[in-house]
Amino acid sequence: MNDWLDLISWVCLLAGAFFAISGGVGILRFPDFFTRMHATGVTDTLCSGLILVGLMFQAGWSAVLLKLFLILAFLLLTSPTAAHAIAKAALHGKLEPVVDPPGGPSSKS
């Protein structure tokens, strides 16, 4: 049974690392602020959640499990809220999203 828990834990940890890297690539590659916010908001919540779940499988039944669960609950509540607040502040500051980026599909004849 312990081998299965280790396997599940490592799958969660590696998936979390993959989403963290893909979020970093999204920050570099997306054209405007709002798509970058989407990349960071979604992948930040997903990668931290997967990493914490993987660590929970490693912790077993202990006080560490409770602490990791509380951290996960805090992150699941605050990360999307913060991303939404930042995006709303950008809209309030008159930052417009890029509707048709240069070289996009509609620029081809």
N, C-alpha and C. Protein backbone atom coordinates (compact mmCIF):
# COMPACT_ATOMS: atom_id res chain seq x y z
N MET A 1 0.82 -1.20 0.00
CA MET A 1 0.00 0.00 0.00
C MET A 1 0.86 1.26 0.00
N ASN A 2 1.99 1.20 0.68
CA ASN A 2 2.86 2.36 0.76
C ASN A 2 3.42 2.73 -0.62
N ASP A 3 3.68 1.72 -1.46
CA ASP A 3 4.18 1.99 -2.81
C ASP A 3 3.14 2.74 -3.65
N TRP A 4 1.86 2.40 -3.47
CA TRP A 4 0.81 3.09 -4.20
C TRP A 4 0.69 4.55 -3.76
N LEU A 5 0.83 4.78 -2.46
CA LEU A 5 0.77 6.16 -1.98
C LEU A 5 1.94 6.98 -2.51
N ASP A 6 3.12 6.36 -2.56
CA ASP A 6 4.28 7.05 -3.12
C ASP A 6 4.07 7.36 -4.60
N LEU A 7 3.50 6.41 -5.34
CA LEU A 7 3.25 6.63 -6.77
C LEU A 7 2.25 7.76 -6.99
N ILE A 8 1.15 7.74 -6.24
CA ILE A 8 0.15 8.80 -6.37
C ILE A 8 0.75 10.14 -5.98
N SER A 9 1.55 10.14 -4.93
CA SER A 9 2.20 11.37 -4.48
C SER A 9 3.11 11.94 -5.56
N TRP A 10 3.93 11.10 -6.16
CA TRP A 10 4.86 11.58 -7.19
C TRP A 10 4.14 12.02 -8.45
N VAL A 11 3.04 11.37 -8.79
CA VAL A 11 2.25 11.81 -9.94
C VAL A 11 1.70 13.22 -9.69
N CYS A 12 1.18 13.44 -8.48
CA CYS A 12 0.67 14.77 -8.14
C CYS A 12 1.78 15.82 -8.13
N LEU A 13 2.93 15.47 -7.57
CA LEU A 13 4.04 16.42 -7.51
C LEU A 13 4.56 16.76 -8.90
N LEU A 14 4.69 15.75 -9.76
CA LEU A 14 5.17 16.02 -11.12
C LEU A 14 4.14 16.78 -11.95
N ALA A 15 2.87 16.47 -11.78
CA ALA A 15 1.83 17.23 -12.49
C ALA A 15 1.81 18.68 -12.02
N GLY A 16 1.98 18.90 -10.73
CA GLY A 16 2.06 20.27 -10.22
C GLY A 16 3.26 21.03 -10.77
N ALA A 17 4.39 20.35 -10.88
CA ALA A 17 5.58 20.99 -11.46
C ALA A 17 5.35 21.30 -12.94
N PHE A 18 4.68 20.39 -13.66
CA PHE A 18 4.38 20.64 -15.07
C PHE A 18 3.50 21.88 -15.23
N PHE A 19 2.47 22.00 -14.40
CA PHE A 19 1.59 23.16 -14.52
C PHE A 19 2.28 24.45 -14.10
N ALA A 20 3.21 24.37 -13.17
CA ALA A 20 3.98 25.55 -12.80
C ALA A 20 4.84 26.03 -13.97
N ILE A 21 5.47 25.09 -14.65
CA ILE A 21 6.29 25.44 -15.81
C ILE A 21 5.42 25.97 -16.94
N SER A 22 4.28 25.35 -17.18
CA SER A 22 3.40 25.82 -18.26
C SER A 22 2.83 27.20 -17.93
N GLY A 23 2.59 27.50 -16.67
CA GLY A 23 2.16 28.85 -16.30
C GLY A 23 3.25 29.88 -16.55
N GLY A 24 4.50 29.50 -16.29
CA GLY A 24 5.61 30.40 -16.59
C GLY A 24 5.77 30.66 -18.07
N VAL A 25 5.55 29.62 -18.87
CA VAL A 25 5.60 29.79 -20.32
C VAL A 25 4.44 30.68 -20.78
N GLY A 26 3.29 30.53 -20.16
CA GLY A 26 2.14 31.36 -20.50
C GLY A 26 2.38 32.83 -20.21
N ILE A 27 3.08 33.12 -19.12
CA ILE A 27 3.41 34.52 -18.81
C ILE A 27 4.29 35.11 -19.90
N LEU A 28 5.21 34.32 -20.41
CA LEU A 28 6.13 34.82 -21.42
C LEU A 28 5.50 34.91 -22.81
N ARG A 29 4.59 34.01 -23.14
CA ARG A 29 4.10 33.90 -24.51
C ARG A 29 2.79 34.62 -24.80
N PHE A 30 1.94 34.81 -23.81
CA PHE A 30 0.64 35.41 -24.09
C PHE A 30 0.77 36.91 -24.38
N PRO A 31 -0.14 37.46 -25.22
CA PRO A 31 0.09 38.81 -25.74
C PRO A 31 -0.27 39.96 -24.80
N ASP A 32 -1.23 39.79 -23.91
CA ASP A 32 -1.63 40.95 -23.11
C ASP A 32 -1.80 40.57 -21.64
N PHE A 33 -2.11 41.57 -20.86
CA PHE A 33 -2.19 41.43 -19.41
C PHE A 33 -3.25 40.42 -18.99
N PHE A 34 -4.40 40.44 -19.63
CA PHE A 34 -5.51 39.60 -19.18
C PHE A 34 -5.28 38.12 -19.48
N THR A 35 -4.69 37.81 -20.61
CA THR A 35 -4.38 36.41 -20.89
C THR A 35 -3.25 35.92 -19.99
N ARG A 36 -2.32 36.81 -19.67
CA ARG A 36 -1.27 36.44 -18.71
C ARG A 36 -1.85 36.22 -17.32
N MET A 37 -2.83 37.03 -16.95
CA MET A 37 -3.48 36.83 -15.66
C MET A 37 -4.22 35.49 -15.63
N HIS A 38 -4.81 35.12 -16.75
CA HIS A 38 -5.49 33.83 -16.82
C HIS A 38 -4.48 32.70 -16.63
N ALA A 39 -3.35 32.81 -17.30
CA ALA A 39 -2.32 31.77 -17.18
C ALA A 39 -1.82 31.66 -15.76
N THR A 40 -1.58 32.78 -15.11
CA THR A 40 -1.05 32.72 -13.74
C THR A 40 -2.12 32.30 -12.74
N GLY A 41 -3.33 32.80 -12.90
CA GLY A 41 -4.39 32.49 -11.94
C GLY A 41 -4.77 31.03 -11.93
N VAL A 42 -4.94 30.46 -13.10
CA VAL A 42 -5.35 29.06 -13.20
C VAL A 42 -4.21 28.13 -12.80
N THR A 43 -3.04 28.35 -13.38
CA THR A 43 -1.95 27.41 -13.11
C THR A 43 -1.40 27.57 -11.70
N ASP A 44 -1.47 28.77 -11.13
CA ASP A 44 -1.02 28.95 -9.76
C ASP A 44 -1.87 28.13 -8.80
N THR A 45 -3.17 28.20 -8.96
CA THR A 45 -4.07 27.44 -8.10
C THR A 45 -3.91 25.94 -8.33
N LEU A 46 -3.84 25.55 -9.60
CA LEU A 46 -3.75 24.12 -9.91
C LEU A 46 -2.43 23.52 -9.48
N CYS A 47 -1.32 24.20 -9.76
CA CYS A 47 -0.02 23.60 -9.42
C CYS A 47 0.19 23.58 -7.91
N SER A 48 -0.20 24.64 -7.21
CA SER A 48 -0.03 24.59 -5.76
C SER A 48 -0.96 23.55 -5.13
N GLY A 49 -2.16 23.40 -5.67
CA GLY A 49 -3.07 22.37 -5.17
C GLY A 49 -2.53 20.97 -5.37
N LEU A 50 -2.02 20.70 -6.56
CA LEU A 50 -1.47 19.37 -6.83
C LEU A 50 -0.22 19.09 -5.98
N ILE A 51 0.63 20.07 -5.83
CA ILE A 51 1.83 19.87 -5.01
C ILE A 51 1.44 19.63 -3.55
N LEU A 52 0.47 20.38 -3.05
CA LEU A 52 0.06 20.16 -1.67
C LEU A 52 -0.63 18.81 -1.48
N VAL A 53 -1.41 18.37 -2.44
CA VAL A 53 -2.04 17.04 -2.35
C VAL A 53 -0.96 15.96 -2.38
N GLY A 54 0.04 16.13 -3.24
CA GLY A 54 1.15 15.17 -3.26
C GLY A 54 1.88 15.13 -1.93
N LEU A 55 2.07 16.27 -1.31
CA LEU A 55 2.72 16.31 0.01
C LEU A 55 1.82 15.71 1.09
N MET A 56 0.50 15.84 0.91
CA MET A 56 -0.41 15.23 1.88
C MET A 56 -0.30 13.71 1.85
N PHE A 57 -0.15 13.14 0.66
CA PHE A 57 0.02 11.69 0.57
C PHE A 57 1.32 11.26 1.24
N GLN A 58 2.34 12.09 1.17
CA GLN A 58 3.61 11.77 1.82
C GLN A 58 3.54 11.93 3.33
N ALA A 59 2.71 12.84 3.82
CA ALA A 59 2.67 13.15 5.25
C ALA A 59 2.03 12.05 6.08
N GLY A 60 1.06 11.36 5.53
CA GLY A 60 0.34 10.36 6.32
C GLY A 60 -0.60 11.04 7.30
N TRP A 61 -1.12 10.26 8.25
CA TRP A 61 -2.05 10.81 9.23
C TRP A 61 -1.28 11.44 10.37
N SER A 62 -1.10 12.75 10.29
CA SER A 62 -0.36 13.46 11.33
C SER A 62 -0.83 14.92 11.36
N ALA A 63 -0.21 15.69 12.22
CA ALA A 63 -0.53 17.11 12.30
C ALA A 63 -0.10 17.84 11.04
N VAL A 64 0.89 17.30 10.36
CA VAL A 64 1.35 17.92 9.11
C VAL A 64 0.24 17.87 8.06
N LEU A 65 -0.51 16.79 8.03
CA LEU A 65 -1.62 16.67 7.09
C LEU A 65 -2.64 17.77 7.31
N LEU A 66 -2.98 18.04 8.57
CA LEU A 66 -3.92 19.11 8.88
C LEU A 66 -3.38 20.46 8.44
N LYS A 67 -2.11 20.71 8.68
CA LYS A 67 -1.50 21.99 8.28
C LYS A 67 -1.49 22.15 6.77
N LEU A 68 -1.16 21.09 6.05
CA LEU A 68 -1.17 21.14 4.59
C LEU A 68 -2.58 21.36 4.06
N PHE A 69 -3.56 20.74 4.70
CA PHE A 69 -4.95 20.94 4.28
C PHE A 69 -5.38 22.38 4.50
N LEU A 70 -4.99 22.98 5.62
CA LEU A 70 -5.35 24.37 5.88
C LEU A 70 -4.67 25.32 4.89
N ILE A 71 -3.43 25.03 4.53
CA ILE A 71 -2.74 25.83 3.52
C ILE A 71 -3.46 25.71 2.18
N LEU A 72 -3.86 24.49 1.82
CA LEU A 72 -4.59 24.27 0.56
C LEU A 72 -5.91 25.04 0.56
N ALA A 73 -6.65 24.98 1.63
CA ALA A 73 -7.92 25.70 1.71
C ALA A 73 -7.70 27.20 1.58
N PHE A 74 -6.66 27.72 2.23
CA PHE A 74 -6.35 29.15 2.14
C PHE A 74 -6.00 29.53 0.70
N LEU A 75 -5.18 28.73 0.04
CA LEU A 75 -4.78 29.04 -1.34
C LEU A 75 -5.95 28.93 -2.31
N LEU A 76 -6.83 27.96 -2.11
CA LEU A 76 -7.98 27.81 -3.00
C LEU A 76 -8.96 28.97 -2.86
N LEU A 77 -8.97 29.62 -1.71
CA LEU A 77 -9.83 30.78 -1.52
C LEU A 77 -9.18 32.08 -1.98
N THR A 78 -7.91 32.25 -1.72
CA THR A 78 -7.28 33.54 -1.96
C THR A 78 -6.69 33.72 -3.36
N SER A 79 -6.18 32.68 -3.97
CA SER A 79 -5.53 32.83 -5.26
C SER A 79 -6.50 33.26 -6.36
N PRO A 80 -7.63 32.60 -6.55
CA PRO A 80 -8.58 33.09 -7.57
C PRO A 80 -9.14 34.47 -7.23
N THR A 81 -9.35 34.74 -5.95
CA THR A 81 -9.86 36.04 -5.55
C THR A 81 -8.87 37.15 -5.86
N ALA A 82 -7.60 36.90 -5.60
CA ALA A 82 -6.57 37.89 -5.90
C ALA A 82 -6.44 38.12 -7.40
N ALA A 83 -6.48 37.06 -8.19
CA ALA A 83 -6.40 37.20 -9.65
C ALA A 83 -7.59 37.99 -10.18
N HIS A 84 -8.77 37.73 -9.64
CA HIS A 84 -9.96 38.47 -10.06
C HIS A 84 -9.85 39.95 -9.68
N ALA A 85 -9.37 40.22 -8.48
CA ALA A 85 -9.24 41.61 -8.03
C ALA A 85 -8.22 42.38 -8.87
N ILE A 86 -7.12 41.73 -9.23
CA ILE A 86 -6.11 42.39 -10.06
C ILE A 86 -6.67 42.67 -11.45
N ALA A 87 -7.41 41.71 -12.02
CA ALA A 87 -8.00 41.92 -13.34
C ALA A 87 -9.05 43.03 -13.30
N LYS A 88 -9.87 43.07 -12.26
CA LYS A 88 -10.85 44.14 -12.12
C LYS A 88 -10.18 45.50 -11.96
N ALA A 89 -9.06 45.55 -11.23
CA ALA A 89 -8.33 46.80 -11.08
C ALA A 89 -7.75 47.26 -12.41
N ALA A 90 -7.30 46.31 -13.24
CA ALA A 90 -6.79 46.67 -14.56
C ALA A 90 -7.90 47.21 -15.44
N LEU A 91 -9.08 46.61 -15.39
CA LEU A 91 -10.22 47.13 -16.15
C LEU A 91 -10.63 48.50 -15.66
N HIS A 92 -10.62 48.69 -14.35
CA HIS A 92 -10.97 49.98 -13.76
C HIS A 92 -9.94 51.05 -14.15
N GLY A 93 -8.70 50.63 -14.34
CA GLY A 93 -7.64 51.55 -14.77
C GLY A 93 -7.61 51.76 -16.26
N LYS A 94 -8.66 51.35 -16.96
CA LYS A 94 -8.82 51.55 -18.41
C LYS A 94 -7.81 50.78 -19.26
N LEU A 95 -7.33 49.64 -18.78
CA LEU A 95 -6.47 48.77 -19.57
C LEU A 95 -7.37 47.88 -20.43
N GLU A 96 -7.20 47.99 -21.73
CA GLU A 96 -8.05 47.24 -22.66
C GLU A 96 -7.38 45.93 -23.06
N PRO A 97 -8.15 44.85 -23.18
CA PRO A 97 -7.57 43.60 -23.67
C PRO A 97 -7.27 43.67 -25.16
N VAL A 98 -6.28 42.90 -25.59
CA VAL A 98 -5.95 42.81 -27.00
C VAL A 98 -6.95 41.87 -27.65
N VAL A 99 -7.76 42.41 -28.55
CA VAL A 99 -8.80 41.62 -29.19
C VAL A 99 -8.25 40.87 -30.40
N ASP A 100 -7.42 41.52 -31.19
CA ASP A 100 -6.86 40.91 -32.40
C ASP A 100 -5.35 41.12 -32.39
N PRO A 101 -4.59 40.16 -31.84
CA PRO A 101 -3.13 40.35 -31.79
C PRO A 101 -2.53 40.32 -33.19
N PRO A 102 -1.41 41.02 -33.39
CA PRO A 102 -0.78 41.00 -34.70
C PRO A 102 -0.35 39.58 -35.07
N GLY A 103 -0.61 39.21 -36.30
CA GLY A 103 -0.27 37.87 -36.75
C GLY A 103 -1.30 36.83 -36.36
N GLY A 104 -2.46 37.28 -35.86
CA GLY A 104 -3.50 36.36 -35.44
C GLY A 104 -4.22 35.75 -36.63
N PRO A 105 -5.20 34.89 -36.38
CA PRO A 105 -5.89 34.18 -37.46
C PRO A 105 -6.68 35.09 -38.38
N SER A 106 -7.17 36.25 -37.90
CA SER A 106 -7.97 37.11 -38.76
C SER A 106 -7.10 38.00 -39.66
N SER A 107 -5.80 38.03 -39.43
CA SER A 107 -4.94 38.87 -40.26
C SER A 107 -4.56 38.19 -41.57
N LYS A 108 -4.87 36.91 -41.72
CA LYS A 108 -4.56 36.19 -42.96
C LYS A 108 -5.68 36.43 -43.98
N SER A 109 -5.30 36.60 -45.21
CA SER A 109 -6.30 36.85 -46.26
C SER A 109 -6.63 35.60 -47.01
